[in-house]
Amino acid sequence: MIPPPPNEAIESLASILGEDSTREIVRLFLSDFPQSVRRLSSGSREEQVVIAHGLKSSALHMGATGLSQRMAAIERKLSATPEALSPEEVFAALAEFEAVEPGLRGYAGS
C-alpha cells in the first residue's frame, strides 16, 4: 500500500506533479539536505548564504516549517554578520531535519 502524503505541502505537490514525481523530489531532499547543511561550515560567505537560502526553500516545500524557519535564521545570520556558524547551529539544523525525516522517508518509500 502506498502511504499518503505526510503533510499538506507534500499533498499539494503531489496534486500538481503526481505521486511518483513528488516521491522522487522527497527522496532528493532526504539525500541532499544532510550533505548541504554540513557545507554551511565551509566555503565563501556568499556560497553559505546561497546554500542556506536553498535549504530554507526546500524545507518549506517539504512542509518542514520549523526546519525552514531555522534555515531562515541561519541565512539571516550569514547575511548580516561576519560571524561563522557555530557547530551547535549546524547540529540544531540536522536535528530539526531528523525530526521530519521519518515521515518523509515513509512517504518516499526509502
N, C-alpha and C. Protein backbone atom coordinates (compact mmCIF):
# COMPACT_ATOMS: atom_id res chain seq x y z
N MET A 1 0.83 -1.19 0.00
CA MET A 1 0.00 0.00 0.00
C MET A 1 0.88 1.25 0.00
N ILE A 2 0.51 2.22 -0.80
CA ILE A 2 1.26 3.46 -0.90
C ILE A 2 0.84 4.39 0.22
N PRO A 3 1.82 4.85 1.03
CA PRO A 3 1.45 5.74 2.13
C PRO A 3 0.99 7.10 1.61
N PRO A 4 0.09 7.74 2.34
CA PRO A 4 -0.39 9.06 1.92
C PRO A 4 0.67 10.13 2.18
N PRO A 5 0.53 11.29 1.56
CA PRO A 5 1.46 12.39 1.83
C PRO A 5 1.45 12.72 3.33
N PRO A 6 2.64 13.02 3.90
CA PRO A 6 2.73 13.24 5.34
C PRO A 6 2.25 14.62 5.81
N ASN A 7 2.03 15.53 4.87
CA ASN A 7 1.58 16.87 5.26
C ASN A 7 0.93 17.56 4.05
N GLU A 8 0.35 18.72 4.29
CA GLU A 8 -0.37 19.44 3.23
C GLU A 8 0.54 19.91 2.10
N ALA A 9 1.77 20.29 2.43
CA ALA A 9 2.69 20.76 1.40
C ALA A 9 3.00 19.64 0.40
N ILE A 10 3.26 18.45 0.91
CA ILE A 10 3.54 17.31 0.03
C ILE A 10 2.28 16.92 -0.73
N GLU A 11 1.15 16.97 -0.08
CA GLU A 11 -0.12 16.67 -0.74
C GLU A 11 -0.36 17.63 -1.91
N SER A 12 -0.05 18.90 -1.69
CA SER A 12 -0.21 19.90 -2.74
C SER A 12 0.74 19.63 -3.90
N LEU A 13 1.99 19.32 -3.58
CA LEU A 13 2.96 18.99 -4.65
C LEU A 13 2.47 17.78 -5.45
N ALA A 14 2.00 16.76 -4.75
CA ALA A 14 1.55 15.54 -5.42
C ALA A 14 0.35 15.82 -6.33
N SER A 15 -0.51 16.73 -5.92
CA SER A 15 -1.67 17.04 -6.76
C SER A 15 -1.25 17.76 -8.04
N ILE A 16 -0.13 18.45 -8.00
CA ILE A 16 0.37 19.17 -9.17
C ILE A 16 1.29 18.29 -10.02
N LEU A 17 2.23 17.62 -9.36
CA LEU A 17 3.28 16.88 -10.07
C LEU A 17 3.00 15.39 -10.22
N GLY A 18 2.08 14.87 -9.43
CA GLY A 18 1.84 13.43 -9.40
C GLY A 18 2.64 12.78 -8.29
N GLU A 19 2.16 11.64 -7.84
CA GLU A 19 2.78 10.94 -6.71
C GLU A 19 4.22 10.52 -7.00
N ASP A 20 4.47 9.94 -8.17
CA ASP A 20 5.82 9.44 -8.47
C ASP A 20 6.84 10.57 -8.49
N SER A 21 6.53 11.65 -9.15
CA SER A 21 7.47 12.78 -9.22
C SER A 21 7.68 13.39 -7.84
N THR A 22 6.62 13.49 -7.07
CA THR A 22 6.73 14.06 -5.73
C THR A 22 7.59 13.17 -4.84
N ARG A 23 7.40 11.87 -4.93
CA ARG A 23 8.23 10.96 -4.14
C ARG A 23 9.70 11.10 -4.52
N GLU A 24 9.98 11.27 -5.79
CA GLU A 24 11.37 11.45 -6.24
C GLU A 24 11.95 12.74 -5.68
N ILE A 25 11.18 13.81 -5.67
CA ILE A 25 11.64 15.08 -5.10
C ILE A 25 11.90 14.92 -3.60
N VAL A 26 11.04 14.22 -2.91
CA VAL A 26 11.25 13.98 -1.48
C VAL A 26 12.52 13.17 -1.26
N ARG A 27 12.75 12.15 -2.09
CA ARG A 27 13.97 11.35 -1.96
C ARG A 27 15.21 12.22 -2.18
N LEU A 28 15.16 13.11 -3.15
CA LEU A 28 16.30 14.01 -3.40
C LEU A 28 16.55 14.92 -2.20
N PHE A 29 15.48 15.46 -1.63
CA PHE A 29 15.60 16.30 -0.45
C PHE A 29 16.27 15.52 0.68
N LEU A 30 15.78 14.31 0.93
CA LEU A 30 16.32 13.49 2.01
C LEU A 30 17.80 13.17 1.79
N SER A 31 18.18 12.98 0.56
CA SER A 31 19.56 12.67 0.23
C SER A 31 20.46 13.90 0.32
N ASP A 32 19.98 15.02 -0.19
CA ASP A 32 20.82 16.22 -0.31
C ASP A 32 20.91 17.06 0.95
N PHE A 33 19.87 17.11 1.75
CA PHE A 33 19.86 18.05 2.87
C PHE A 33 21.03 17.85 3.83
N PRO A 34 21.27 16.63 4.35
CA PRO A 34 22.36 16.48 5.32
C PRO A 34 23.72 16.91 4.76
N GLN A 35 23.99 16.57 3.51
CA GLN A 35 25.26 16.95 2.89
C GLN A 35 25.35 18.47 2.75
N SER A 36 24.28 19.08 2.31
CA SER A 36 24.28 20.52 2.09
C SER A 36 24.43 21.29 3.39
N VAL A 37 23.74 20.88 4.43
CA VAL A 37 23.81 21.62 5.70
C VAL A 37 25.22 21.54 6.27
N ARG A 38 25.91 20.45 6.06
CA ARG A 38 27.29 20.34 6.54
C ARG A 38 28.23 21.28 5.77
N ARG A 39 27.88 21.60 4.53
CA ARG A 39 28.70 22.52 3.74
C ARG A 39 28.58 23.96 4.22
N LEU A 40 27.64 24.22 5.13
CA LEU A 40 27.50 25.57 5.68
C LEU A 40 28.71 25.97 6.52
N SER A 41 29.52 25.01 6.90
CA SER A 41 30.70 25.30 7.72
C SER A 41 31.94 25.61 6.90
N SER A 42 31.80 25.56 5.58
CA SER A 42 32.95 25.83 4.73
C SER A 42 32.52 26.66 3.53
N GLY A 43 33.48 27.01 2.70
CA GLY A 43 33.17 27.81 1.52
C GLY A 43 33.07 29.29 1.84
N SER A 44 32.87 30.06 0.82
CA SER A 44 32.77 31.51 1.00
C SER A 44 31.45 31.86 1.67
N ARG A 45 31.38 33.04 2.22
CA ARG A 45 30.15 33.51 2.85
C ARG A 45 29.02 33.52 1.83
N GLU A 46 29.30 33.96 0.62
CA GLU A 46 28.28 34.00 -0.43
C GLU A 46 27.74 32.60 -0.71
N GLU A 47 28.63 31.61 -0.79
CA GLU A 47 28.19 30.22 -1.02
C GLU A 47 27.33 29.73 0.14
N GLN A 48 27.71 30.08 1.36
CA GLN A 48 26.95 29.67 2.53
C GLN A 48 25.55 30.27 2.52
N VAL A 49 25.44 31.54 2.14
CA VAL A 49 24.12 32.19 2.08
C VAL A 49 23.25 31.51 1.03
N VAL A 50 23.84 31.19 -0.11
CA VAL A 50 23.08 30.52 -1.18
C VAL A 50 22.60 29.15 -0.72
N ILE A 51 23.46 28.41 -0.03
CA ILE A 51 23.08 27.09 0.47
C ILE A 51 21.95 27.22 1.49
N ALA A 52 22.10 28.14 2.44
CA ALA A 52 21.06 28.32 3.47
C ALA A 52 19.73 28.73 2.83
N HIS A 53 19.78 29.60 1.85
CA HIS A 53 18.56 30.04 1.17
C HIS A 53 17.87 28.86 0.48
N GLY A 54 18.66 28.06 -0.23
CA GLY A 54 18.10 26.91 -0.93
C GLY A 54 17.50 25.89 0.02
N LEU A 55 18.20 25.65 1.14
CA LEU A 55 17.69 24.69 2.13
C LEU A 55 16.42 25.21 2.79
N LYS A 56 16.37 26.51 3.02
CA LYS A 56 15.16 27.12 3.60
C LYS A 56 13.97 26.88 2.68
N SER A 57 14.14 27.13 1.41
CA SER A 57 13.06 26.96 0.44
C SER A 57 12.67 25.49 0.29
N SER A 58 13.67 24.63 0.19
CA SER A 58 13.39 23.20 0.04
C SER A 58 12.63 22.65 1.24
N ALA A 59 13.04 23.05 2.43
CA ALA A 59 12.35 22.59 3.64
C ALA A 59 10.90 23.05 3.63
N LEU A 60 10.66 24.27 3.21
CA LEU A 60 9.29 24.78 3.15
C LEU A 60 8.45 23.97 2.17
N HIS A 61 9.01 23.61 1.03
CA HIS A 61 8.29 22.80 0.04
C HIS A 61 7.99 21.40 0.58
N MET A 62 8.80 20.92 1.51
CA MET A 62 8.59 19.60 2.11
C MET A 62 7.62 19.66 3.29
N GLY A 63 7.13 20.86 3.60
CA GLY A 63 6.21 21.00 4.72
C GLY A 63 6.89 21.03 6.07
N ALA A 64 8.21 21.20 6.06
CA ALA A 64 9.00 21.23 7.29
C ALA A 64 9.19 22.69 7.71
N THR A 65 8.13 23.28 8.24
CA THR A 65 8.16 24.72 8.53
C THR A 65 9.17 25.08 9.62
N GLY A 66 9.30 24.26 10.64
CA GLY A 66 10.29 24.53 11.69
C GLY A 66 11.69 24.51 11.13
N LEU A 67 11.98 23.55 10.28
CA LEU A 67 13.29 23.47 9.65
C LEU A 67 13.51 24.66 8.73
N SER A 68 12.48 25.04 7.99
CA SER A 68 12.58 26.20 7.11
C SER A 68 12.87 27.47 7.93
N GLN A 69 12.22 27.61 9.06
CA GLN A 69 12.45 28.78 9.92
C GLN A 69 13.86 28.77 10.48
N ARG A 70 14.36 27.61 10.85
CA ARG A 70 15.74 27.52 11.34
C ARG A 70 16.72 27.92 10.24
N MET A 71 16.47 27.46 9.02
CA MET A 71 17.36 27.80 7.92
C MET A 71 17.26 29.29 7.59
N ALA A 72 16.08 29.89 7.76
CA ALA A 72 15.92 31.33 7.55
C ALA A 72 16.76 32.11 8.56
N ALA A 73 16.78 31.65 9.80
CA ALA A 73 17.59 32.31 10.84
C ALA A 73 19.07 32.19 10.50
N ILE A 74 19.49 31.04 10.02
CA ILE A 74 20.89 30.85 9.61
C ILE A 74 21.21 31.76 8.44
N GLU A 75 20.30 31.83 7.47
CA GLU A 75 20.50 32.71 6.31
C GLU A 75 20.65 34.17 6.76
N ARG A 76 19.79 34.61 7.68
CA ARG A 76 19.87 35.99 8.18
C ARG A 76 21.21 36.24 8.86
N LYS A 77 21.63 35.30 9.69
CA LYS A 77 22.91 35.47 10.39
C LYS A 77 24.05 35.57 9.38
N LEU A 78 24.07 34.68 8.42
CA LEU A 78 25.14 34.68 7.42
C LEU A 78 25.13 35.96 6.58
N SER A 79 23.95 36.51 6.36
CA SER A 79 23.83 37.72 5.54
C SER A 79 24.16 38.99 6.32
N ALA A 80 23.94 38.97 7.63
CA ALA A 80 24.01 40.20 8.41
C ALA A 80 25.26 40.34 9.28
N THR A 81 25.95 39.23 9.54
CA THR A 81 27.10 39.32 10.44
C THR A 81 28.30 38.60 9.83
N PRO A 82 29.48 38.98 10.26
CA PRO A 82 30.68 38.25 9.79
C PRO A 82 30.95 36.98 10.61
N GLU A 83 30.10 36.75 11.62
CA GLU A 83 30.26 35.60 12.49
C GLU A 83 30.08 34.29 11.74
N ALA A 84 30.95 33.33 12.04
CA ALA A 84 30.80 31.99 11.47
C ALA A 84 29.69 31.26 12.22
N LEU A 85 29.10 30.30 11.55
CA LEU A 85 28.11 29.46 12.22
C LEU A 85 28.82 28.59 13.24
N SER A 86 28.18 28.39 14.36
CA SER A 86 28.75 27.51 15.38
C SER A 86 28.41 26.06 15.03
N PRO A 87 29.19 25.13 15.54
CA PRO A 87 28.83 23.72 15.34
C PRO A 87 27.43 23.42 15.91
N GLU A 88 27.04 24.11 16.97
CA GLU A 88 25.72 23.90 17.56
C GLU A 88 24.60 24.30 16.60
N GLU A 89 24.81 25.37 15.84
CA GLU A 89 23.79 25.80 14.88
C GLU A 89 23.62 24.78 13.77
N VAL A 90 24.74 24.24 13.30
CA VAL A 90 24.67 23.21 12.26
C VAL A 90 24.02 21.95 12.83
N PHE A 91 24.41 21.57 14.05
CA PHE A 91 23.83 20.39 14.69
C PHE A 91 22.32 20.56 14.88
N ALA A 92 21.90 21.76 15.29
CA ALA A 92 20.47 22.02 15.50
C ALA A 92 19.69 21.88 14.20
N ALA A 93 20.27 22.33 13.09
CA ALA A 93 19.60 22.18 11.79
C ALA A 93 19.48 20.70 11.43
N LEU A 94 20.54 19.93 11.67
CA LEU A 94 20.47 18.49 11.40
C LEU A 94 19.46 17.80 12.30
N ALA A 95 19.38 18.21 13.56
CA ALA A 95 18.40 17.62 14.47
C ALA A 95 16.98 17.93 14.02
N GLU A 96 16.76 19.15 13.55
CA GLU A 96 15.43 19.53 13.05
C GLU A 96 15.07 18.69 11.82
N PHE A 97 16.06 18.46 10.95
CA PHE A 97 15.87 17.60 9.78
C PHE A 97 15.49 16.19 10.22
N GLU A 98 16.22 15.66 11.21
CA GLU A 98 15.95 14.30 11.67
C GLU A 98 14.55 14.15 12.26
N ALA A 99 13.98 15.24 12.75
CA ALA A 99 12.63 15.19 13.31
C ALA A 99 11.57 14.99 12.22
N VAL A 100 11.81 15.52 11.03
CA VAL A 100 10.83 15.39 9.94
C VAL A 100 11.16 14.24 9.00
N GLU A 101 12.36 13.73 9.11
CA GLU A 101 12.83 12.70 8.18
C GLU A 101 11.97 11.44 8.15
N PRO A 102 11.56 10.87 9.29
CA PRO A 102 10.79 9.61 9.22
C PRO A 102 9.50 9.71 8.40
N GLY A 103 8.74 10.77 8.58
CA GLY A 103 7.51 10.92 7.82
C GLY A 103 7.77 11.04 6.33
N LEU A 104 8.81 11.78 5.98
CA LEU A 104 9.16 11.95 4.57
C LEU A 104 9.68 10.64 3.99
N ARG A 105 10.49 9.92 4.76
CA ARG A 105 11.01 8.62 4.28
C ARG A 105 9.88 7.62 4.06
N GLY A 106 8.94 7.60 4.98
CA GLY A 106 7.81 6.69 4.82
C GLY A 106 7.06 6.97 3.53
N TYR A 107 6.83 8.24 3.25
CA TYR A 107 6.13 8.61 2.03
C TYR A 107 6.95 8.27 0.79
N ALA A 108 8.25 8.55 0.85
CA ALA A 108 9.13 8.34 -0.31
C ALA A 108 9.43 6.86 -0.55
N GLY A 109 9.17 6.04 0.46
CA GLY A 109 9.46 4.62 0.30
C GLY A 109 10.95 4.33 0.35
N SER A 110 11.69 5.17 1.10
CA SER A 110 13.14 4.92 1.18
C SER A 110 13.59 4.74 2.60
